[in-house]
Amino acid sequence: MNVEPLGTRVYIAEVKKERKTESGIILEGANSVRETKFAEVLAIGYDVKKVRVGNKVIIDWGKCVPVKINDVERAMIDEEHILGIYRGEE
């Protein structure tokens, strides 16, 4: 991992779920504002207390700072903007 977040920042990757119609058509870019946004924690800052690397978290994407390294899009978010840790099955 080439990114080390500072303080309470968390480096995350969006967990994308395919949305399909009943007939099997994949709906790209059809995200609803009301959909829950999930991410996987890739790295954490030294002051992060509640989440760990590998956790799947529920976040407010509007609070994220986009990070693009080597054409790979990720994001940085402060721990206080993580809404919860998801422990269920996908």
Protein backbone atom coordinates (compact mmCIF):
# COMPACT_ATOMS: atom_id res chain seq x y z
CA MET A 1 0.00 0.00 0.00
CA ASN A 2 1.47 3.31 -1.06
CA VAL A 3 -0.97 5.50 0.84
CA GLU A 4 -0.72 6.23 4.56
CA PRO A 5 -3.62 8.38 5.78
CA LEU A 6 -2.87 10.99 8.44
CA GLY A 7 -4.77 11.54 11.68
CA THR A 8 -8.33 10.21 11.58
CA ARG A 9 -8.50 9.80 7.81
CA VAL A 10 -9.43 6.50 6.21
CA TYR A 11 -8.43 5.40 2.67
CA ILE A 12 -11.31 3.51 1.04
CA ALA A 13 -12.41 1.80 -2.15
CA GLU A 14 -16.03 1.83 -3.27
CA VAL A 15 -17.74 -1.55 -3.17
CA LYS A 16 -19.82 -1.58 -6.34
CA LYS A 17 -22.84 -3.79 -6.68
CA GLU A 18 -24.33 -4.54 -10.09
CA ARG A 19 -27.94 -3.57 -10.47
CA LYS A 20 -29.97 -5.67 -12.89
CA THR A 21 -33.52 -5.64 -14.15
CA GLU A 22 -35.60 -8.81 -13.82
CA SER A 23 -34.68 -9.68 -17.41
CA GLY A 24 -30.94 -9.42 -16.62
CA ILE A 25 -30.09 -6.00 -18.09
CA ILE A 26 -27.28 -4.36 -16.11
CA LEU A 27 -28.10 -0.80 -15.06
CA GLU A 28 -24.92 1.28 -14.99
CA GLY A 29 -24.94 4.73 -13.46
CA ALA A 30 -28.47 4.28 -12.17
CA ASN A 31 -27.63 4.94 -8.54
CA SER A 32 -30.36 6.42 -6.46
CA VAL A 33 -29.63 9.08 -3.85
CA ARG A 34 -31.40 6.84 -1.38
CA GLU A 35 -29.09 3.87 -1.95
CA THR A 36 -26.65 2.97 0.78
CA LYS A 37 -23.02 3.47 -0.22
CA PHE A 38 -20.50 0.85 0.84
CA ALA A 39 -16.71 0.96 0.84
CA GLU A 40 -13.84 -1.25 1.92
CA VAL A 41 -11.20 0.18 4.25
CA LEU A 42 -7.76 -0.06 2.62
CA ALA A 43 -5.64 1.93 5.10
CA ILE A 44 -6.21 3.97 8.26
CA GLY A 45 -4.54 6.93 9.95
CA TYR A 46 -2.80 6.65 13.32
CA ASP A 47 -5.70 8.29 15.24
CA VAL A 48 -8.48 6.09 13.82
CA LYS A 49 -10.26 4.30 16.66
CA LYS A 50 -13.34 2.45 15.35
CA VAL A 51 -12.56 0.91 11.94
CA ARG A 52 -9.87 -1.50 10.79
CA VAL A 53 -8.33 -2.36 7.43
CA GLY A 54 -10.62 -4.79 5.62
CA ASN A 55 -13.86 -3.55 7.24
CA LYS A 56 -16.79 -2.88 4.93
CA VAL A 57 -18.26 0.46 5.94
CA ILE A 58 -21.35 2.54 5.19
CA ILE A 59 -20.36 6.07 4.26
CA ASP A 60 -21.53 9.48 3.16
CA TRP A 61 -19.91 9.73 -0.31
CA GLY A 62 -20.46 13.48 -0.29
CA LYS A 63 -17.85 13.79 2.47
CA CYS A 64 -15.16 11.87 0.54
CA VAL A 65 -12.12 13.38 -1.15
CA PRO A 66 -11.40 11.57 -4.44
CA VAL A 67 -7.89 10.11 -4.79
CA LYS A 68 -6.64 8.84 -8.16
CA ILE A 69 -3.30 7.01 -8.21
CA ASN A 70 -2.06 5.13 -11.30
CA ASP A 71 -5.52 5.44 -12.92
CA VAL A 72 -7.15 3.73 -9.92
CA GLU A 73 -9.89 5.74 -8.25
CA ARG A 74 -10.20 5.57 -4.48
CA ALA A 75 -11.24 8.05 -1.79
CA MET A 76 -10.18 9.49 1.55
CA ILE A 77 -12.74 10.18 4.28
CA ASP A 78 -12.50 11.32 7.87
CA GLU A 79 -13.52 8.63 10.36
CA GLU A 80 -16.34 10.81 11.73
CA HIS A 81 -18.11 10.65 8.34
CA ILE A 82 -18.24 6.84 8.36
CA LEU A 83 -21.80 5.99 9.30
CA GLY A 84 -21.24 2.39 10.37
CA ILE A 85 -19.45 -0.92 9.90
CA TYR A 86 -21.33 -3.43 7.74
CA ARG A 87 -21.09 -6.97 9.09
CA GLY A 88 -23.77 -8.69 6.97
CA GLU A 89 -23.67 -10.76 3.82
CA GLU A 90 -23.69 -9.04 0.42
